N, C-alpha and C. Protein backbone atom coordinates (compact mmCIF):
# COMPACT_ATOMS: atom_id res chain seq x y z
N MET A 1 23.38 -25.87 5.81
CA MET A 1 24.34 -24.82 6.14
C MET A 1 24.67 -24.04 4.88
N GLU A 2 24.52 -22.76 4.96
CA GLU A 2 24.80 -21.87 3.83
C GLU A 2 26.30 -21.83 3.58
N ILE A 3 26.69 -21.93 2.32
CA ILE A 3 28.11 -21.86 1.99
C ILE A 3 28.57 -20.40 1.98
N SER A 4 29.81 -20.21 2.38
CA SER A 4 30.45 -18.90 2.32
C SER A 4 31.94 -19.13 2.14
N THR A 5 32.66 -18.08 1.81
CA THR A 5 34.10 -18.23 1.64
C THR A 5 34.81 -18.53 2.95
N GLN A 6 34.15 -18.26 4.08
CA GLN A 6 34.77 -18.50 5.38
C GLN A 6 34.60 -19.93 5.89
N ASN A 7 33.61 -20.67 5.36
CA ASN A 7 33.34 -22.00 5.91
C ASN A 7 33.35 -23.12 4.87
N THR A 8 34.01 -22.88 3.74
CA THR A 8 33.92 -23.80 2.61
C THR A 8 35.29 -24.06 2.00
N ILE A 9 35.49 -25.31 1.58
CA ILE A 9 36.68 -25.66 0.79
C ILE A 9 36.22 -26.34 -0.50
N LEU A 10 37.15 -26.40 -1.45
CA LEU A 10 36.89 -27.07 -2.72
C LEU A 10 37.74 -28.33 -2.80
N LEU A 11 37.11 -29.44 -3.10
CA LEU A 11 37.80 -30.71 -3.29
C LEU A 11 37.69 -31.09 -4.77
N VAL A 12 38.83 -31.22 -5.42
CA VAL A 12 38.92 -31.54 -6.85
C VAL A 12 39.43 -32.96 -6.98
N ILE A 13 38.62 -33.83 -7.55
CA ILE A 13 38.95 -35.25 -7.60
C ILE A 13 39.32 -35.69 -9.02
N ASP A 14 40.58 -36.00 -9.22
CA ASP A 14 41.08 -36.75 -10.37
C ASP A 14 40.72 -36.18 -11.76
N ILE A 15 40.87 -34.89 -11.95
CA ILE A 15 40.62 -34.34 -13.29
C ILE A 15 41.95 -34.39 -14.03
N GLN A 16 42.26 -35.59 -14.51
CA GLN A 16 43.54 -35.91 -15.12
C GLN A 16 43.36 -36.22 -16.60
N GLU A 17 44.45 -36.07 -17.35
CA GLU A 17 44.43 -36.19 -18.80
C GLU A 17 43.70 -37.44 -19.30
N LYS A 18 44.15 -38.61 -18.91
CA LYS A 18 43.56 -39.85 -19.44
C LYS A 18 42.11 -40.03 -19.00
N LEU A 19 41.81 -39.61 -17.78
CA LEU A 19 40.43 -39.73 -17.31
C LEU A 19 39.52 -38.72 -18.01
N LEU A 20 40.00 -37.49 -18.14
CA LEU A 20 39.20 -36.46 -18.80
C LEU A 20 38.90 -36.83 -20.24
N ASN A 21 39.88 -37.37 -20.94
CA ASN A 21 39.68 -37.74 -22.34
C ASN A 21 38.66 -38.85 -22.53
N ALA A 22 38.36 -39.58 -21.46
CA ALA A 22 37.42 -40.71 -21.56
C ALA A 22 35.98 -40.35 -21.19
N VAL A 23 35.75 -39.17 -20.59
CA VAL A 23 34.41 -38.86 -20.13
C VAL A 23 33.53 -38.32 -21.26
N PHE A 24 32.23 -38.55 -21.14
CA PHE A 24 31.29 -38.17 -22.19
C PHE A 24 31.16 -36.65 -22.34
N ASN A 25 31.41 -35.92 -21.28
CA ASN A 25 31.20 -34.46 -21.26
C ASN A 25 32.52 -33.70 -21.10
N LYS A 26 33.57 -34.19 -21.74
CA LYS A 26 34.94 -33.70 -21.57
C LYS A 26 35.06 -32.18 -21.66
N ASP A 27 34.65 -31.59 -22.78
CA ASP A 27 34.86 -30.16 -23.00
C ASP A 27 34.08 -29.31 -22.00
N TYR A 28 32.84 -29.69 -21.74
CA TYR A 28 32.00 -28.94 -20.81
C TYR A 28 32.57 -29.02 -19.40
N LEU A 29 32.94 -30.23 -18.98
CA LEU A 29 33.53 -30.43 -17.65
C LEU A 29 34.81 -29.61 -17.50
N GLU A 30 35.67 -29.65 -18.50
CA GLU A 30 36.93 -28.92 -18.42
C GLU A 30 36.68 -27.41 -18.32
N ARG A 31 35.71 -26.90 -19.07
CA ARG A 31 35.39 -25.47 -19.02
C ARG A 31 34.86 -25.08 -17.65
N LYS A 32 33.92 -25.87 -17.10
CA LYS A 32 33.33 -25.56 -15.80
C LYS A 32 34.35 -25.70 -14.68
N ALA A 33 35.20 -26.73 -14.74
CA ALA A 33 36.25 -26.90 -13.74
C ALA A 33 37.24 -25.73 -13.82
N GLY A 34 37.51 -25.25 -15.03
CA GLY A 34 38.39 -24.10 -15.21
C GLY A 34 37.84 -22.85 -14.56
N ILE A 35 36.53 -22.67 -14.67
CA ILE A 35 35.89 -21.53 -14.01
C ILE A 35 36.05 -21.66 -12.49
N MET A 36 35.82 -22.85 -11.96
CA MET A 36 35.98 -23.04 -10.50
C MET A 36 37.42 -22.84 -10.06
N ALA A 37 38.37 -23.20 -10.91
CA ALA A 37 39.78 -22.97 -10.57
C ALA A 37 40.04 -21.47 -10.41
N LYS A 38 39.54 -20.68 -11.34
CA LYS A 38 39.74 -19.23 -11.27
C LYS A 38 39.00 -18.62 -10.09
N VAL A 39 37.76 -19.06 -9.88
CA VAL A 39 36.96 -18.52 -8.77
C VAL A 39 37.60 -18.86 -7.44
N SER A 40 38.08 -20.09 -7.29
CA SER A 40 38.71 -20.48 -6.02
C SER A 40 39.94 -19.62 -5.74
N SER A 41 40.66 -19.25 -6.78
CA SER A 41 41.82 -18.38 -6.61
C SER A 41 41.40 -16.96 -6.22
N ILE A 42 40.42 -16.42 -6.93
CA ILE A 42 39.95 -15.06 -6.66
C ILE A 42 39.40 -14.95 -5.24
N LEU A 43 38.59 -15.94 -4.84
CA LEU A 43 37.96 -15.89 -3.52
C LEU A 43 38.83 -16.49 -2.41
N GLU A 44 39.99 -16.99 -2.79
CA GLU A 44 40.94 -17.59 -1.85
C GLU A 44 40.34 -18.74 -1.07
N LEU A 45 39.59 -19.57 -1.78
CA LEU A 45 39.04 -20.79 -1.17
C LEU A 45 40.16 -21.81 -1.05
N PRO A 46 40.28 -22.49 0.07
CA PRO A 46 41.24 -23.59 0.16
C PRO A 46 40.85 -24.69 -0.83
N VAL A 47 41.87 -25.25 -1.50
CA VAL A 47 41.63 -26.28 -2.51
C VAL A 47 42.46 -27.52 -2.17
N ILE A 48 41.79 -28.66 -2.18
CA ILE A 48 42.47 -29.95 -2.04
C ILE A 48 42.23 -30.69 -3.34
N LEU A 49 43.29 -31.20 -3.92
CA LEU A 49 43.23 -31.81 -5.24
C LEU A 49 43.80 -33.22 -5.16
N THR A 50 43.11 -34.18 -5.78
CA THR A 50 43.63 -35.55 -5.81
C THR A 50 43.95 -35.96 -7.24
N GLU A 51 44.89 -36.90 -7.33
CA GLU A 51 45.26 -37.49 -8.62
C GLU A 51 45.33 -38.99 -8.43
N GLN A 52 44.47 -39.69 -9.17
CA GLN A 52 44.42 -41.15 -9.11
C GLN A 52 45.57 -41.73 -9.94
N TYR A 53 46.44 -42.46 -9.30
CA TYR A 53 47.56 -43.14 -9.95
C TYR A 53 48.16 -42.29 -11.08
N PRO A 54 48.78 -41.16 -10.73
CA PRO A 54 49.28 -40.24 -11.76
C PRO A 54 50.35 -40.82 -12.69
N LYS A 55 51.08 -41.84 -12.24
CA LYS A 55 52.08 -42.48 -13.13
C LYS A 55 51.41 -43.06 -14.37
N GLY A 56 50.21 -43.58 -14.20
CA GLY A 56 49.52 -44.19 -15.33
C GLY A 56 48.47 -43.30 -15.97
N LEU A 57 47.86 -42.41 -15.17
CA LEU A 57 46.74 -41.60 -15.68
C LEU A 57 47.12 -40.14 -15.93
N GLY A 58 48.35 -39.78 -15.59
CA GLY A 58 48.79 -38.41 -15.81
C GLY A 58 48.43 -37.50 -14.65
N LYS A 59 48.95 -36.31 -14.71
CA LYS A 59 48.70 -35.28 -13.71
C LYS A 59 47.38 -34.58 -14.02
N THR A 60 46.96 -33.69 -13.14
CA THR A 60 45.79 -32.85 -13.37
C THR A 60 46.03 -32.09 -14.68
N VAL A 61 44.98 -31.97 -15.49
CA VAL A 61 45.13 -31.34 -16.81
C VAL A 61 45.72 -29.94 -16.68
N GLU A 62 46.62 -29.61 -17.59
CA GLU A 62 47.36 -28.35 -17.53
C GLU A 62 46.47 -27.13 -17.62
N SER A 63 45.34 -27.25 -18.30
CA SER A 63 44.45 -26.09 -18.47
C SER A 63 43.83 -25.64 -17.15
N LEU A 64 43.86 -26.50 -16.15
CA LEU A 64 43.27 -26.16 -14.85
C LEU A 64 44.37 -25.72 -13.90
N GLU A 65 44.33 -24.46 -13.53
CA GLU A 65 45.33 -23.92 -12.62
C GLU A 65 44.69 -23.65 -11.27
N PHE A 66 44.79 -24.63 -10.40
CA PHE A 66 44.30 -24.47 -9.04
C PHE A 66 45.45 -23.95 -8.19
N HIS A 67 45.46 -22.65 -7.94
CA HIS A 67 46.55 -22.02 -7.19
C HIS A 67 46.50 -22.43 -5.72
N ASN A 68 47.65 -22.67 -5.18
CA ASN A 68 47.79 -23.00 -3.75
C ASN A 68 47.01 -24.25 -3.35
N ALA A 69 46.83 -25.17 -4.28
CA ALA A 69 46.13 -26.41 -3.95
C ALA A 69 47.08 -27.37 -3.24
N SER A 70 46.53 -28.09 -2.29
CA SER A 70 47.25 -29.21 -1.68
C SER A 70 46.96 -30.43 -2.54
N VAL A 71 47.98 -31.05 -3.09
CA VAL A 71 47.81 -32.15 -4.04
C VAL A 71 48.16 -33.48 -3.37
N TYR A 72 47.27 -34.45 -3.58
CA TYR A 72 47.46 -35.78 -3.00
C TYR A 72 47.33 -36.85 -4.08
N GLU A 73 48.34 -37.71 -4.16
CA GLU A 73 48.25 -38.88 -5.04
C GLU A 73 47.43 -39.94 -4.32
N LYS A 74 46.68 -40.72 -5.11
CA LYS A 74 45.88 -41.76 -4.48
C LYS A 74 45.75 -42.97 -5.38
N ASN A 75 45.43 -44.07 -4.75
CA ASN A 75 45.07 -45.30 -5.44
C ASN A 75 43.68 -45.76 -5.03
N ASP A 76 43.26 -45.34 -3.84
CA ASP A 76 41.93 -45.67 -3.35
C ASP A 76 40.90 -44.81 -4.08
N PHE A 77 39.70 -45.34 -4.26
CA PHE A 77 38.64 -44.56 -4.89
C PHE A 77 38.12 -43.49 -3.95
N ASN A 78 37.99 -43.81 -2.67
CA ASN A 78 37.57 -42.86 -1.65
C ASN A 78 38.79 -42.02 -1.26
N ALA A 79 38.77 -40.74 -1.59
CA ALA A 79 39.93 -39.87 -1.33
C ALA A 79 40.23 -39.73 0.16
N LEU A 80 39.25 -39.94 1.03
CA LEU A 80 39.50 -39.80 2.46
C LEU A 80 40.42 -40.90 3.01
N LEU A 81 40.65 -41.93 2.22
CA LEU A 81 41.57 -42.99 2.64
C LEU A 81 43.02 -42.63 2.40
N VAL A 82 43.26 -41.52 1.72
CA VAL A 82 44.63 -41.06 1.45
C VAL A 82 45.24 -40.51 2.75
N THR A 83 46.42 -40.97 3.06
CA THR A 83 47.12 -40.52 4.26
C THR A 83 47.22 -39.00 4.26
N ASP A 84 46.85 -38.39 5.33
CA ASP A 84 46.95 -36.95 5.58
C ASP A 84 45.91 -36.09 4.87
N LEU A 85 45.17 -36.62 3.91
CA LEU A 85 44.18 -35.79 3.22
C LEU A 85 43.07 -35.36 4.16
N PHE A 86 42.54 -36.28 4.94
CA PHE A 86 41.47 -35.91 5.86
C PHE A 86 41.97 -34.93 6.92
N SER A 87 43.22 -35.10 7.35
CA SER A 87 43.81 -34.15 8.31
C SER A 87 43.85 -32.76 7.72
N LYS A 88 44.14 -32.67 6.42
CA LYS A 88 44.17 -31.36 5.75
C LYS A 88 42.77 -30.74 5.72
N ILE A 89 41.77 -31.55 5.47
CA ILE A 89 40.39 -31.04 5.51
C ILE A 89 40.09 -30.50 6.90
N GLU A 90 40.36 -31.30 7.92
CA GLU A 90 40.08 -30.89 9.30
C GLU A 90 40.83 -29.61 9.68
N LYS A 91 42.06 -29.47 9.20
CA LYS A 91 42.87 -28.30 9.51
C LYS A 91 42.19 -27.02 9.00
N ASN A 92 41.50 -27.12 7.88
CA ASN A 92 40.80 -25.97 7.31
C ASN A 92 39.48 -25.70 8.04
N ASN A 93 39.02 -26.66 8.82
CA ASN A 93 37.81 -26.53 9.63
C ASN A 93 36.57 -26.07 8.83
N PRO A 94 36.31 -26.72 7.68
CA PRO A 94 35.14 -26.30 6.90
C PRO A 94 33.86 -26.93 7.44
N GLN A 95 32.76 -26.27 7.20
CA GLN A 95 31.45 -26.88 7.43
C GLN A 95 30.92 -27.42 6.12
N ASN A 96 31.39 -26.83 5.02
CA ASN A 96 30.92 -27.18 3.69
C ASN A 96 32.07 -27.57 2.79
N ILE A 97 31.83 -28.58 1.98
CA ILE A 97 32.83 -29.01 1.02
C ILE A 97 32.18 -29.05 -0.36
N LEU A 98 32.78 -28.30 -1.28
CA LEU A 98 32.34 -28.30 -2.67
C LEU A 98 33.16 -29.36 -3.39
N VAL A 99 32.51 -30.15 -4.25
CA VAL A 99 33.21 -31.25 -4.90
C VAL A 99 32.99 -31.20 -6.41
N ILE A 100 34.10 -31.36 -7.15
CA ILE A 100 34.06 -31.55 -8.60
C ILE A 100 35.01 -32.70 -8.93
N GLY A 101 34.81 -33.34 -10.08
CA GLY A 101 35.79 -34.36 -10.44
C GLY A 101 35.29 -35.49 -11.29
N ILE A 102 36.16 -36.51 -11.40
CA ILE A 102 35.98 -37.67 -12.25
C ILE A 102 36.31 -38.91 -11.42
N GLU A 103 35.67 -40.00 -11.55
CA GLU A 103 34.43 -40.27 -12.21
C GLU A 103 33.30 -40.13 -11.20
N THR A 104 32.20 -39.58 -11.65
CA THR A 104 31.07 -39.26 -10.78
C THR A 104 30.62 -40.47 -9.97
N HIS A 105 30.51 -41.62 -10.62
CA HIS A 105 29.93 -42.80 -9.99
C HIS A 105 30.94 -43.65 -9.22
N ILE A 106 32.20 -43.27 -9.26
CA ILE A 106 33.22 -44.06 -8.56
C ILE A 106 33.91 -43.20 -7.50
N CYS A 107 34.96 -42.49 -7.89
CA CYS A 107 35.75 -41.74 -6.91
C CYS A 107 34.98 -40.57 -6.30
N VAL A 108 34.22 -39.85 -7.12
CA VAL A 108 33.44 -38.74 -6.56
C VAL A 108 32.40 -39.30 -5.60
N TYR A 109 31.66 -40.31 -6.02
CA TYR A 109 30.61 -40.90 -5.19
C TYR A 109 31.18 -41.44 -3.86
N GLN A 110 32.23 -42.24 -3.93
CA GLN A 110 32.75 -42.85 -2.70
C GLN A 110 33.32 -41.81 -1.74
N THR A 111 33.92 -40.75 -2.28
CA THR A 111 34.45 -39.68 -1.43
C THR A 111 33.32 -38.88 -0.81
N VAL A 112 32.31 -38.55 -1.60
CA VAL A 112 31.17 -37.79 -1.09
C VAL A 112 30.46 -38.58 0.01
N ARG A 113 30.28 -39.87 -0.21
CA ARG A 113 29.65 -40.71 0.82
C ARG A 113 30.44 -40.65 2.12
N ALA A 114 31.77 -40.74 2.04
CA ALA A 114 32.61 -40.68 3.24
C ALA A 114 32.52 -39.32 3.92
N LEU A 115 32.48 -38.24 3.13
CA LEU A 115 32.36 -36.90 3.70
C LEU A 115 31.03 -36.72 4.41
N LEU A 116 29.96 -37.21 3.80
CA LEU A 116 28.64 -37.13 4.43
C LEU A 116 28.61 -37.93 5.73
N ASN A 117 29.25 -39.10 5.72
CA ASN A 117 29.30 -39.93 6.93
C ASN A 117 30.07 -39.24 8.05
N LYS A 118 30.97 -38.32 7.71
CA LYS A 118 31.73 -37.57 8.72
C LYS A 118 31.01 -36.29 9.13
N GLY A 119 29.82 -36.06 8.57
CA GLY A 119 29.01 -34.93 9.00
C GLY A 119 29.17 -33.63 8.22
N TYR A 120 29.89 -33.65 7.13
CA TYR A 120 30.05 -32.44 6.34
C TYR A 120 28.84 -32.18 5.45
N ASN A 121 28.59 -30.91 5.18
CA ASN A 121 27.62 -30.52 4.17
C ASN A 121 28.37 -30.54 2.84
N VAL A 122 27.89 -31.33 1.91
CA VAL A 122 28.60 -31.52 0.65
C VAL A 122 27.74 -31.02 -0.51
N THR A 123 28.35 -30.18 -1.34
CA THR A 123 27.72 -29.72 -2.56
C THR A 123 28.50 -30.27 -3.74
N VAL A 124 27.84 -31.03 -4.59
CA VAL A 124 28.46 -31.59 -5.78
C VAL A 124 28.04 -30.74 -6.97
N MET A 125 29.01 -30.16 -7.64
CA MET A 125 28.72 -29.36 -8.83
C MET A 125 28.67 -30.29 -10.02
N LYS A 126 27.46 -30.69 -10.37
CA LYS A 126 27.25 -31.77 -11.33
C LYS A 126 27.77 -31.45 -12.72
N ASP A 127 27.87 -30.17 -13.07
CA ASP A 127 28.37 -29.84 -14.40
C ASP A 127 29.90 -29.83 -14.46
N ALA A 128 30.56 -30.00 -13.33
CA ALA A 128 32.01 -30.11 -13.29
C ALA A 128 32.42 -31.50 -12.82
N CYS A 129 31.53 -32.47 -13.03
CA CYS A 129 31.81 -33.88 -12.76
C CYS A 129 31.53 -34.67 -14.04
N GLY A 130 32.14 -35.82 -14.15
CA GLY A 130 31.90 -36.63 -15.34
C GLY A 130 32.26 -38.08 -15.15
N SER A 131 31.71 -38.89 -16.04
CA SER A 131 31.99 -40.32 -16.10
C SER A 131 32.12 -40.71 -17.57
N ARG A 132 32.58 -41.92 -17.80
CA ARG A 132 32.72 -42.39 -19.18
C ARG A 132 31.36 -42.44 -19.87
N SER A 133 30.33 -42.82 -19.14
CA SER A 133 28.99 -42.85 -19.74
C SER A 133 28.06 -41.89 -19.01
N GLU A 134 27.15 -41.33 -19.77
CA GLU A 134 26.18 -40.40 -19.19
C GLU A 134 25.29 -41.10 -18.18
N TYR A 135 24.98 -42.38 -18.43
CA TYR A 135 24.14 -43.14 -17.51
C TYR A 135 24.82 -43.30 -16.15
N GLU A 136 26.10 -43.67 -16.16
CA GLU A 136 26.83 -43.82 -14.89
C GLU A 136 26.95 -42.49 -14.17
N HIS A 137 27.16 -41.40 -14.91
CA HIS A 137 27.22 -40.06 -14.33
C HIS A 137 25.92 -39.73 -13.61
N SER A 138 24.79 -39.91 -14.30
CA SER A 138 23.50 -39.57 -13.68
C SER A 138 23.18 -40.52 -12.53
N SER A 139 23.59 -41.78 -12.63
CA SER A 139 23.37 -42.73 -11.53
C SER A 139 24.18 -42.32 -10.30
N GLY A 140 25.42 -41.87 -10.50
CA GLY A 140 26.24 -41.40 -9.39
C GLY A 140 25.64 -40.17 -8.73
N LEU A 141 25.13 -39.24 -9.55
CA LEU A 141 24.49 -38.04 -9.00
C LEU A 141 23.26 -38.40 -8.19
N ASP A 142 22.43 -39.31 -8.72
CA ASP A 142 21.23 -39.75 -7.99
C ASP A 142 21.61 -40.37 -6.65
N ALA A 143 22.64 -41.20 -6.66
CA ALA A 143 23.05 -41.88 -5.42
C ALA A 143 23.55 -40.87 -4.38
N MET A 144 24.30 -39.88 -4.82
CA MET A 144 24.81 -38.88 -3.87
C MET A 144 23.68 -38.01 -3.32
N ARG A 145 22.73 -37.66 -4.17
CA ARG A 145 21.58 -36.88 -3.71
C ARG A 145 20.78 -37.69 -2.70
N ASP A 146 20.61 -38.98 -2.97
CA ASP A 146 19.86 -39.84 -2.05
C ASP A 146 20.55 -39.95 -0.69
N LEU A 147 21.87 -39.82 -0.67
CA LEU A 147 22.63 -39.87 0.59
C LEU A 147 22.60 -38.55 1.35
N GLY A 148 22.15 -37.48 0.69
CA GLY A 148 22.06 -36.18 1.36
C GLY A 148 22.96 -35.10 0.81
N ALA A 149 23.69 -35.39 -0.26
CA ALA A 149 24.51 -34.34 -0.87
C ALA A 149 23.61 -33.36 -1.61
N LYS A 150 24.02 -32.12 -1.64
CA LYS A 150 23.30 -31.10 -2.42
C LYS A 150 23.88 -31.13 -3.82
N LEU A 151 23.03 -31.20 -4.83
CA LEU A 151 23.49 -31.13 -6.21
C LEU A 151 23.28 -29.71 -6.69
N SER A 152 24.29 -29.16 -7.33
CA SER A 152 24.23 -27.79 -7.80
C SER A 152 25.00 -27.70 -9.11
N THR A 153 25.20 -26.48 -9.57
CA THR A 153 26.03 -26.23 -10.76
C THR A 153 27.12 -25.24 -10.36
N VAL A 154 28.10 -25.12 -11.21
CA VAL A 154 29.18 -24.18 -10.95
C VAL A 154 28.62 -22.77 -10.80
N GLU A 155 27.77 -22.35 -11.73
CA GLU A 155 27.25 -20.99 -11.69
C GLU A 155 26.39 -20.76 -10.44
N MET A 156 25.51 -21.69 -10.11
CA MET A 156 24.69 -21.54 -8.90
C MET A 156 25.57 -21.41 -7.66
N THR A 157 26.60 -22.24 -7.59
CA THR A 157 27.49 -22.25 -6.43
C THR A 157 28.29 -20.95 -6.33
N ILE A 158 28.76 -20.46 -7.46
CA ILE A 158 29.53 -19.21 -7.46
C ILE A 158 28.69 -18.07 -6.90
N PHE A 159 27.46 -17.95 -7.39
CA PHE A 159 26.62 -16.84 -6.94
C PHE A 159 26.17 -17.02 -5.49
N GLU A 160 26.10 -18.28 -5.05
CA GLU A 160 25.81 -18.52 -3.64
C GLU A 160 26.98 -18.07 -2.77
N LEU A 161 28.20 -18.26 -3.25
CA LEU A 161 29.38 -17.79 -2.52
C LEU A 161 29.46 -16.26 -2.50
N LEU A 162 29.10 -15.63 -3.62
CA LEU A 162 29.19 -14.16 -3.71
C LEU A 162 28.12 -13.45 -2.89
N LYS A 163 26.94 -14.00 -2.85
CA LYS A 163 25.80 -13.46 -2.09
C LYS A 163 25.17 -12.20 -2.68
N THR A 164 25.96 -11.29 -3.26
CA THR A 164 25.45 -9.99 -3.71
C THR A 164 26.29 -9.45 -4.86
N SER A 165 25.65 -8.64 -5.68
CA SER A 165 26.40 -7.97 -6.76
C SER A 165 27.32 -6.89 -6.21
N ARG A 166 27.20 -6.60 -4.94
CA ARG A 166 28.09 -5.64 -4.29
C ARG A 166 29.40 -6.30 -3.79
N HIS A 167 29.51 -7.61 -3.97
CA HIS A 167 30.74 -8.30 -3.57
C HIS A 167 31.92 -7.66 -4.32
N PRO A 168 33.04 -7.43 -3.66
CA PRO A 168 34.18 -6.76 -4.31
C PRO A 168 34.71 -7.48 -5.56
N ASN A 169 34.47 -8.79 -5.68
CA ASN A 169 34.96 -9.55 -6.83
C ASN A 169 33.86 -9.89 -7.83
N PHE A 170 32.67 -9.32 -7.65
CA PHE A 170 31.53 -9.69 -8.48
C PHE A 170 31.82 -9.52 -9.97
N LYS A 171 32.26 -8.37 -10.40
CA LYS A 171 32.46 -8.11 -11.84
C LYS A 171 33.54 -9.02 -12.42
N GLU A 172 34.59 -9.23 -11.67
CA GLU A 172 35.68 -10.09 -12.12
C GLU A 172 35.19 -11.53 -12.31
N ILE A 173 34.39 -12.01 -11.37
CA ILE A 173 33.89 -13.38 -11.46
C ILE A 173 32.78 -13.48 -12.50
N GLN A 174 31.92 -12.50 -12.58
CA GLN A 174 30.84 -12.52 -13.57
C GLN A 174 31.41 -12.63 -14.98
N ALA A 175 32.55 -11.99 -15.22
CA ALA A 175 33.18 -12.03 -16.54
C ALA A 175 33.65 -13.44 -16.93
N LEU A 176 33.82 -14.32 -15.95
CA LEU A 176 34.25 -15.69 -16.24
C LEU A 176 33.12 -16.56 -16.78
N ILE A 177 31.89 -16.15 -16.53
CA ILE A 177 30.73 -16.98 -16.87
C ILE A 177 30.25 -16.60 -18.26
N LYS A 178 30.31 -17.57 -19.14
CA LYS A 178 29.94 -17.32 -20.53
C LYS A 178 28.75 -18.15 -20.93
């Protein structure tokens, strides 16, 4: 299923201070997630954001401003186990779910697996995901691809959403990509 702004939501998993500081690709992940935050606001994509045990791991990093995001605290690795989170997804009626977050091989993987099992088309933006080790990150990506998730990048996904350079927000979004 082709992604578009009408049939897609963004799910942001646990991009929190203590977790971000532990991942091997911290700066790159934060920059790419920041681009997706701005793009989701410009394109008015619905955003669902999770925070794993925020009392101990902190809130979502301040540099990421996901406007109008629905925020859910969680303790489970699979975000769909959070009370009301799946209802929020269903309320938006997406066919496609874009996923970014931490850690690729744990919370991102378990959530993506659950989304695929519920029949959603899932695109994981691998450059906006991370783990403490590069090996675990790549293993998580391999596992999600094997389950049927589409692996992409932030830039590929953005241009897939825009479809054309004639899109009214093309120049504004193109300026975000460095």
